[in-house]
Amino acid sequence: YLSNSLAPACFFLLVFLITAYSIGTELKFGRSKEWLAMAGNNIFVAITGKLLPQFLIFLSVVYGYMFYIYYVLDFPHPGGVGVILILGLLSVLACQGFGMFIFGIMPSLRMSMSLCSLWASVSFSVMGATFPVSSMDPELSAIAQLFPMRHYFMIYQTCLFSGFPLTDVWPNVAALIIFRSE
């Protein structure tokens, strides 16, 4: 029950870090002007060009892990393959978006990676895998909504593990989409 939710959470920590690192290295090593010039001074093109290859690799890793867990090891997954695919896609996009957001508010390579690490490590406590969020203090329950891994865990637990439809977790799906758009 915990291994197929905590292992992806560890991977999502790496997605946070790699996203912030790949953007931060451009500034740290003085290549940001060249990077933007190659993108025609369009930041959207520059970010997309940098993060799209990483996204494809991250998504392949997540889908490979899920295939291994749910089809090779035959873990129960009454939610079906559609939920697996949507959950993997939304989670990778949300983690990359969150990594970009953290770098945007803390445009220092060292500080953004430290904040991503801190945020991800606190995520393990507030995602609800070991202690239910509903039993936490109201302040902690509210803060738990600021962590992408919490929403991943809720979708995993409700839809993939228990077999309920995605409509039951639409706020969590919306939260992952919002994390991507940051």
C-alpha atoms as a PDB file:
ATOM      1  CA  TYR A   1       0.000   0.000   0.000  1.00  0.00           C
ATOM      2  CA  LEU A   2       2.739   2.468   0.874  1.00  0.00           C
ATOM      3  CA  SER A   3       5.426   1.397  -1.586  1.00  0.00           C
ATOM      4  CA  ASN A   4       3.414   2.201  -4.685  1.00  0.00           C
ATOM      5  CA  SER A   5       2.654   5.692  -3.367  1.00  0.00           C
ATOM      6  CA  LEU A   6       5.914   6.599  -1.622  1.00  0.00           C
ATOM      7  CA  ALA A   7       8.253   5.478  -4.401  1.00  0.00           C
ATOM      8  CA  PRO A   8       6.630   7.861  -6.919  1.00  0.00           C
ATOM      9  CA  ALA A   9       6.779  10.586  -4.264  1.00  0.00           C
ATOM     10  CA  CYS A  10      10.557  10.081  -4.078  1.00  0.00           C
ATOM     11  CA  PHE A  11      10.725  10.339  -7.847  1.00  0.00           C
ATOM     12  CA  PHE A  12       8.638  13.527  -7.789  1.00  0.00           C
ATOM     13  CA  LEU A  13      11.210  15.019  -5.429  1.00  0.00           C
ATOM     14  CA  LEU A  14      13.768  14.458  -8.192  1.00  0.00           C
ATOM     15  CA  VAL A  15      11.447  16.095 -10.730  1.00  0.00           C
ATOM     16  CA  PHE A  16      11.227  19.197  -8.502  1.00  0.00           C
ATOM     17  CA  LEU A  17      14.992  19.309  -8.176  1.00  0.00           C
ATOM     18  CA  ILE A  18      15.886  18.609 -11.794  1.00  0.00           C
ATOM     19  CA  THR A  19      13.415  21.210 -13.041  1.00  0.00           C
ATOM     20  CA  ALA A  20      14.780  23.931 -10.762  1.00  0.00           C
ATOM     21  CA  TYR A  21      18.361  22.836 -11.510  1.00  0.00           C
ATOM     22  CA  SER A  22      17.990  22.865 -15.280  1.00  0.00           C
ATOM     23  CA  ILE A  23      16.561  26.384 -15.288  1.00  0.00           C
ATOM     24  CA  GLY A  24      18.944  27.618 -12.596  1.00  0.00           C
ATOM     25  CA  THR A  25      22.078  26.470 -14.364  1.00  0.00           C
ATOM     26  CA  GLU A  26      21.301  28.822 -17.232  1.00  0.00           C
ATOM     27  CA  LEU A  27      21.465  31.774 -14.849  1.00  0.00           C
ATOM     28  CA  LYS A  28      24.319  30.477 -12.728  1.00  0.00           C
ATOM     29  CA  PHE A  29      26.644  29.877 -15.645  1.00  0.00           C
ATOM     30  CA  GLY A  30      25.640  33.037 -17.541  1.00  0.00           C
ATOM     31  CA  ARG A  31      23.938  31.278 -20.436  1.00  0.00           C
ATOM     32  CA  SER A  32      20.467  32.747 -19.951  1.00  0.00           C
ATOM     33  CA  LYS A  33      20.793  35.443 -22.629  1.00  0.00           C
ATOM     34  CA  GLU A  34      22.051  32.895 -25.152  1.00  0.00           C
ATOM     35  CA  TRP A  35      19.263  30.506 -24.128  1.00  0.00           C
ATOM     36  CA  LEU A  36      16.610  33.189 -24.671  1.00  0.00           C
ATOM     37  CA  ALA A  37      18.210  34.319 -27.949  1.00  0.00           C
ATOM     38  CA  MET A  38      18.036  30.750 -29.273  1.00  0.00           C
ATOM     39  CA  ALA A  39      14.314  30.803 -28.417  1.00  0.00           C
ATOM     40  CA  GLY A  40      13.752  34.072 -30.266  1.00  0.00           C
ATOM     41  CA  ASN A  41      13.496  35.957 -26.956  1.00  0.00           C
ATOM     42  CA  ASN A  42      10.287  34.044 -26.201  1.00  0.00           C
ATOM     43  CA  ILE A  43      10.373  32.711 -22.630  1.00  0.00           C
ATOM     44  CA  PHE A  44       7.555  30.244 -23.354  1.00  0.00           C
ATOM     45  CA  VAL A  45       9.571  28.686 -26.177  1.00  0.00           C
ATOM     46  CA  ALA A  46      12.723  28.651 -24.035  1.00  0.00           C
ATOM     47  CA  ILE A  47      11.008  26.930 -21.085  1.00  0.00           C
ATOM     48  CA  THR A  48       9.170  24.498 -23.352  1.00  0.00           C
ATOM     49  CA  GLY A  49      12.371  23.612 -25.195  1.00  0.00           C
ATOM     50  CA  LYS A  50      14.174  23.005 -21.919  1.00  0.00           C
ATOM     51  CA  LEU A  51      11.427  21.076 -20.110  1.00  0.00           C
ATOM     52  CA  LEU A  52       9.763  19.067 -22.892  1.00  0.00           C
ATOM     53  CA  PRO A  53      12.586  16.505 -23.254  1.00  0.00           C
ATOM     54  CA  GLN A  54      12.722  16.178 -19.467  1.00  0.00           C
ATOM     55  CA  PHE A  55       8.939  15.774 -19.347  1.00  0.00           C
ATOM     56  CA  LEU A  56       9.089  12.907 -21.830  1.00  0.00           C
ATOM     57  CA  ILE A  57      11.799  11.175 -19.815  1.00  0.00           C
ATOM     58  CA  PHE A  58       9.996  11.722 -16.503  1.00  0.00           C
ATOM     59  CA  LEU A  59       6.710  10.480 -17.940  1.00  0.00           C
ATOM     60  CA  SER A  60       8.426   7.396 -19.361  1.00  0.00           C
ATOM     61  CA  VAL A  61       9.931   6.619 -15.966  1.00  0.00           C
ATOM     62  CA  VAL A  62       6.599   7.071 -14.165  1.00  0.00           C
ATOM     63  CA  TYR A  63       4.720   4.957 -16.713  1.00  0.00           C
ATOM     64  CA  GLY A  64       7.453   2.320 -16.631  1.00  0.00           C
ATOM     65  CA  TYR A  65       7.230   2.179 -12.841  1.00  0.00           C
ATOM     66  CA  MET A  66       3.447   1.947 -12.929  1.00  0.00           C
ATOM     67  CA  PHE A  67       3.572  -0.770 -15.580  1.00  0.00           C
ATOM     68  CA  TYR A  68       6.017  -2.724 -13.442  1.00  0.00           C
ATOM     69  CA  ILE A  69       3.992  -2.336 -10.249  1.00  0.00           C
ATOM     70  CA  TYR A  70       0.504  -2.890 -11.657  1.00  0.00           C
ATOM     71  CA  TYR A  71       1.145  -5.343 -14.485  1.00  0.00           C
ATOM     72  CA  VAL A  72       4.391  -7.202 -13.780  1.00  0.00           C
ATOM     73  CA  LEU A  73       4.009  -7.428  -9.989  1.00  0.00           C
ATOM     74  CA  ASP A  74       0.207  -7.453 -10.339  1.00  0.00           C
ATOM     75  CA  PHE A  75      -0.608  -4.995  -7.551  1.00  0.00           C
ATOM     76  CA  PRO A  76      -4.373  -4.443  -7.349  1.00  0.00           C
ATOM     77  CA  HIS A  77      -5.576  -1.430  -9.323  1.00  0.00           C
ATOM     78  CA  PRO A  78      -9.365  -1.461  -9.666  1.00  0.00           C
ATOM     79  CA  GLY A  79      -9.261   2.105 -10.996  1.00  0.00           C
ATOM     80  CA  GLY A  80      -7.972   0.866 -14.350  1.00  0.00           C
ATOM     81  CA  VAL A  81      -5.379   1.906 -16.871  1.00  0.00           C
ATOM     82  CA  GLY A  82      -7.035   5.251 -17.663  1.00  0.00           C
ATOM     83  CA  VAL A  83      -6.555   6.488 -14.120  1.00  0.00           C
ATOM     84  CA  ILE A  84      -2.945   5.263 -14.184  1.00  0.00           C
ATOM     85  CA  LEU A  85      -2.221   7.234 -17.356  1.00  0.00           C
ATOM     86  CA  ILE A  86      -3.989  10.406 -16.189  1.00  0.00           C
ATOM     87  CA  LEU A  87      -2.391  10.263 -12.745  1.00  0.00           C
ATOM     88  CA  GLY A  88       1.105   9.855 -14.180  1.00  0.00           C
ATOM     89  CA  LEU A  89       0.634  12.667 -16.687  1.00  0.00           C
ATOM     90  CA  LEU A  90      -0.865  15.140 -14.229  1.00  0.00           C
ATOM     91  CA  SER A  91       1.692  14.349 -11.538  1.00  0.00           C
ATOM     92  CA  VAL A  92       4.723  14.898 -13.761  1.00  0.00           C
ATOM     93  CA  LEU A  93       3.259  18.121 -15.164  1.00  0.00           C
ATOM     94  CA  ALA A  94       2.394  19.374 -11.664  1.00  0.00           C
ATOM     95  CA  CYS A  95       5.865  18.611 -10.314  1.00  0.00           C
ATOM     96  CA  GLN A  96       7.557  20.356 -13.207  1.00  0.00           C
ATOM     97  CA  GLY A  97       5.235  23.317 -12.818  1.00  0.00           C
ATOM     98  CA  PHE A  98       5.948  23.458  -9.121  1.00  0.00           C
ATOM     99  CA  GLY A  99       9.705  23.312  -9.746  1.00  0.00           C
ATOM    100  CA  MET A 100       9.375  26.231 -12.182  1.00  0.00           C
ATOM    101  CA  PHE A 101       7.268  28.142  -9.657  1.00  0.00           C
ATOM    102  CA  ILE A 102       9.817  27.647  -6.893  1.00  0.00           C
ATOM    103  CA  PHE A 103      12.612  28.848  -9.176  1.00  0.00           C
ATOM    104  CA  GLY A 104      10.458  31.814 -10.156  1.00  0.00           C
ATOM    105  CA  ILE A 105      10.037  32.974  -6.571  1.00  0.00           C
ATOM    106  CA  MET A 106      13.594  32.056  -5.581  1.00  0.00           C
ATOM    107  CA  PRO A 107      15.773  32.606  -8.704  1.00  0.00           C
ATOM    108  CA  SER A 108      18.931  31.262  -7.134  1.00  0.00           C
ATOM    109  CA  LEU A 109      20.024  27.749  -8.019  1.00  0.00           C
ATOM    110  CA  ARG A 110      21.036  26.861  -4.477  1.00  0.00           C
ATOM    111  CA  MET A 111      18.006  28.415  -2.775  1.00  0.00           C
ATOM    112  CA  SER A 112      15.434  27.055  -5.233  1.00  0.00           C
ATOM    113  CA  MET A 113      16.830  23.537  -4.979  1.00  0.00           C
ATOM    114  CA  SER A 114      16.905  23.811  -1.190  1.00  0.00           C
ATOM    115  CA  LEU A 115      13.298  24.975  -1.132  1.00  0.00           C
ATOM    116  CA  CYS A 116      12.251  22.173  -3.499  1.00  0.00           C
ATOM    117  CA  SER A 117      13.981  19.644  -1.241  1.00  0.00           C
ATOM    118  CA  LEU A 118      12.373  21.083   1.863  1.00  0.00           C
ATOM    119  CA  TRP A 119       8.929  21.196   0.282  1.00  0.00           C
ATOM    120  CA  ALA A 120       9.215  17.628  -0.978  1.00  0.00           C
ATOM    121  CA  SER A 121      10.482  16.270   2.333  1.00  0.00           C
ATOM    122  CA  VAL A 122       7.594  17.920   4.200  1.00  0.00           C
ATOM    123  CA  SER A 123       5.298  16.395   1.564  1.00  0.00           C
ATOM    124  CA  PHE A 124       6.027  12.942   2.910  1.00  0.00           C
ATOM    125  CA  SER A 125       4.572  14.021   6.250  1.00  0.00           C
ATOM    126  CA  VAL A 126       1.488  15.820   4.980  1.00  0.00           C
ATOM    127  CA  MET A 127       0.514  13.673   2.026  1.00  0.00           C
ATOM    128  CA  GLY A 128      -1.553  11.439   4.289  1.00  0.00           C
ATOM    129  CA  ALA A 129       0.131   8.101   3.649  1.00  0.00           C
ATOM    130  CA  THR A 130       1.206   7.501   7.238  1.00  0.00           C
ATOM    131  CA  PHE A 131      -1.122   9.784   9.195  1.00  0.00           C
ATOM    132  CA  PRO A 132      -4.506  10.907   7.833  1.00  0.00           C
ATOM    133  CA  VAL A 133      -4.763  14.581   6.972  1.00  0.00           C
ATOM    134  CA  SER A 134      -8.325  14.646   8.307  1.00  0.00           C
ATOM    135  CA  SER A 135      -6.911  13.912  11.786  1.00  0.00           C
ATOM    136  CA  MET A 136      -4.335  16.702  11.623  1.00  0.00           C
ATOM    137  CA  ASP A 137      -4.900  20.150  13.064  1.00  0.00           C
ATOM    138  CA  PRO A 138      -7.039  22.333  10.772  1.00  0.00           C
ATOM    139  CA  GLU A 139      -4.038  24.505   9.932  1.00  0.00           C
ATOM    140  CA  LEU A 140      -1.984  21.499   8.815  1.00  0.00           C
ATOM    141  CA  SER A 141      -4.933  20.112   6.851  1.00  0.00           C
ATOM    142  CA  ALA A 142      -5.162  23.412   4.983  1.00  0.00           C
ATOM    143  CA  ILE A 143      -1.414  23.583   4.369  1.00  0.00           C
ATOM    144  CA  ALA A 144      -1.419  19.993   3.065  1.00  0.00           C
ATOM    145  CA  GLN A 145      -3.324  21.209   0.009  1.00  0.00           C
ATOM    146  CA  LEU A 146      -0.228  23.149  -1.088  1.00  0.00           C
ATOM    147  CA  PHE A 147       1.721  19.955  -1.807  1.00  0.00           C
ATOM    148  CA  PRO A 148       1.392  18.217  -5.211  1.00  0.00           C
ATOM    149  CA  MET A 149       2.225  14.853  -3.649  1.00  0.00           C
ATOM    150  CA  ARG A 150      -0.849  15.151  -1.416  1.00  0.00           C
ATOM    151  CA  HIS A 151      -3.086  15.350  -4.480  1.00  0.00           C
ATOM    152  CA  TYR A 152      -1.233  12.492  -6.159  1.00  0.00           C
ATOM    153  CA  PHE A 153      -1.823  10.371  -3.066  1.00  0.00           C
ATOM    154  CA  MET A 154      -5.522  11.253  -2.880  1.00  0.00           C
ATOM    155  CA  ILE A 155      -6.118  10.331  -6.527  1.00  0.00           C
ATOM    156  CA  TYR A 156      -4.069   7.155  -6.111  1.00  0.00           C
ATOM    157  CA  GLN A 157      -5.878   6.136  -2.926  1.00  0.00           C
ATOM    158  CA  THR A 158      -9.402   7.008  -4.051  1.00  0.00           C
ATOM    159  CA  CYS A 159      -9.418   6.072  -7.723  1.00  0.00           C
ATOM    160  CA  LEU A 160      -6.577   3.718  -8.446  1.00  0.00           C
ATOM    161  CA  PHE A 161      -6.521   1.752  -5.192  1.00  0.00           C
ATOM    162  CA  SER A 162     -10.232   1.887  -4.286  1.00  0.00           C
ATOM    163  CA  GLY A 163     -11.770   2.032  -7.767  1.00  0.00           C
ATOM    164  CA  PHE A 164     -13.863   5.190  -7.393  1.00  0.00           C
ATOM    165  CA  PRO A 165     -14.345   7.447 -10.449  1.00  0.00           C
ATOM    166  CA  LEU A 166     -12.168  10.508 -11.072  1.00  0.00           C
ATOM    167  CA  THR A 167     -15.184  12.723 -10.450  1.00  0.00           C
ATOM    168  CA  ASP A 168     -14.842  11.891  -6.745  1.00  0.00           C
ATOM    169  CA  VAL A 169     -11.437  13.589  -6.651  1.00  0.00           C
ATOM    170  CA  TRP A 170     -12.004  16.463  -9.060  1.00  0.00           C
ATOM    171  CA  PRO A 171     -10.579  19.013  -6.568  1.00  0.00           C
ATOM    172  CA  ASN A 172      -7.335  17.022  -6.476  1.00  0.00           C
ATOM    173  CA  VAL A 173      -7.221  16.762 -10.262  1.00  0.00           C
ATOM    174  CA  ALA A 174      -7.851  20.519 -10.486  1.00  0.00           C
ATOM    175  CA  ALA A 175      -5.082  21.155  -7.947  1.00  0.00           C
ATOM    176  CA  LEU A 176      -2.565  19.182 -10.033  1.00  0.00           C
ATOM    177  CA  ILE A 177      -3.604  21.185 -13.094  1.00  0.00           C
ATOM    178  CA  ILE A 178      -3.184  24.428 -11.140  1.00  0.00           C
ATOM    179  CA  PHE A 179       0.285  23.348  -9.995  1.00  0.00           C
ATOM    180  CA  ARG A 180       1.210  22.872 -13.654  1.00  0.00           C
ATOM    181  CA  SER A 181       0.001  26.295 -14.639  1.00  0.00           C
ATOM    182  CA  GLU A 182       2.031  28.121 -11.978  1.00  0.00           C
END
